[in-house]
Amino acid sequence: MKHRDALRAPYDTARRLEQFMGRDLDVHAMAAVVDPALHRQRLGEMRAEPAS
């Protein structure tokens, strides 16, 4: 499974993951949280600034 596939076709990628795992998963919820705008985010940029 490739990251770019999840960005391009999140529902299809979630279905493939569900089939691979052999379990019923909420593929609609999984696909709904994919946000291509976050593709180039880094963990440090996503962390909130510490409270002073």
C-alpha atoms as a PDB file:
ATOM      1  CA  MET A   1       0.000   0.000   0.000  1.00  0.00           C
ATOM      2  CA  LYS A   2       1.408   3.355  -1.003  1.00  0.00           C
ATOM      3  CA  HIS A   3       0.873   6.669   0.729  1.00  0.00           C
ATOM      4  CA  ARG A   4       0.045   8.393  -2.546  1.00  0.00           C
ATOM      5  CA  ASP A   5      -2.735   5.845  -3.156  1.00  0.00           C
ATOM      6  CA  ALA A   6      -4.313   6.798   0.177  1.00  0.00           C
ATOM      7  CA  LEU A   7      -4.227  10.454  -0.856  1.00  0.00           C
ATOM      8  CA  ARG A   8      -5.631   9.841  -4.341  1.00  0.00           C
ATOM      9  CA  ALA A   9      -8.258   7.226  -3.454  1.00  0.00           C
ATOM     10  CA  PRO A  10      -8.780   7.093   0.308  1.00  0.00           C
ATOM     11  CA  TYR A  11     -11.918   4.929   0.221  1.00  0.00           C
ATOM     12  CA  ASP A  12     -10.390   2.338  -2.100  1.00  0.00           C
ATOM     13  CA  THR A  13      -7.226   2.253  -0.007  1.00  0.00           C
ATOM     14  CA  ALA A  14      -9.241   1.778   3.189  1.00  0.00           C
ATOM     15  CA  ARG A  15     -11.146  -1.098   1.550  1.00  0.00           C
ATOM     16  CA  ARG A  16      -7.861  -2.754   0.572  1.00  0.00           C
ATOM     17  CA  LEU A  17      -6.622  -2.393   4.141  1.00  0.00           C
ATOM     18  CA  GLU A  18      -9.866  -3.899   5.435  1.00  0.00           C
ATOM     19  CA  GLN A  19      -9.467  -6.879   3.106  1.00  0.00           C
ATOM     20  CA  PHE A  20      -5.806  -7.318   4.048  1.00  0.00           C
ATOM     21  CA  MET A  21      -6.602  -7.318   7.765  1.00  0.00           C
ATOM     22  CA  GLY A  22      -9.577  -9.637   7.333  1.00  0.00           C
ATOM     23  CA  ARG A  23     -11.723  -7.543   9.663  1.00  0.00           C
ATOM     24  CA  ASP A  24     -14.751  -5.302   9.327  1.00  0.00           C
ATOM     25  CA  LEU A  25     -13.498  -1.732   9.536  1.00  0.00           C
ATOM     26  CA  ASP A  26     -15.289   1.598   9.230  1.00  0.00           C
ATOM     27  CA  VAL A  27     -13.799   2.383   5.832  1.00  0.00           C
ATOM     28  CA  HIS A  28     -15.995   5.463   5.395  1.00  0.00           C
ATOM     29  CA  ALA A  29     -14.609   6.977   8.611  1.00  0.00           C
ATOM     30  CA  MET A  30     -11.072   6.010   7.637  1.00  0.00           C
ATOM     31  CA  ALA A  31     -11.411   7.640   4.222  1.00  0.00           C
ATOM     32  CA  ALA A  32     -13.016  10.754   5.713  1.00  0.00           C
ATOM     33  CA  VAL A  33      -9.948  11.645   7.787  1.00  0.00           C
ATOM     34  CA  VAL A  34      -7.528  11.663   4.854  1.00  0.00           C
ATOM     35  CA  ASP A  35      -6.546  15.276   4.219  1.00  0.00           C
ATOM     36  CA  PRO A  36      -4.294  15.739   1.166  1.00  0.00           C
ATOM     37  CA  ALA A  37      -3.506  19.276   2.368  1.00  0.00           C
ATOM     38  CA  LEU A  38      -1.450  17.742   5.191  1.00  0.00           C
ATOM     39  CA  HIS A  39       0.722  15.741   2.790  1.00  0.00           C
ATOM     40  CA  ARG A  40       3.885  17.738   3.468  1.00  0.00           C
ATOM     41  CA  GLN A  41       3.299  18.450   7.164  1.00  0.00           C
ATOM     42  CA  ARG A  42       6.068  17.567   9.577  1.00  0.00           C
ATOM     43  CA  LEU A  43       5.434  16.392  13.105  1.00  0.00           C
ATOM     44  CA  GLY A  44       7.154  19.454  14.585  1.00  0.00           C
ATOM     45  CA  GLU A  45       4.885  21.769  12.613  1.00  0.00           C
ATOM     46  CA  MET A  46       1.794  19.928  13.825  1.00  0.00           C
ATOM     47  CA  ARG A  47       2.617  20.116  17.542  1.00  0.00           C
ATOM     48  CA  ALA A  48       1.063  22.932  19.501  1.00  0.00           C
ATOM     49  CA  GLU A  49       3.346  25.453  21.116  1.00  0.00           C
ATOM     50  CA  PRO A  50       3.890  24.696  24.810  1.00  0.00           C
ATOM     51  CA  ALA A  51       1.837  26.777  27.231  1.00  0.00           C
ATOM     52  CA  SER A  52       3.834  29.451  29.026  1.00  0.00           C
END
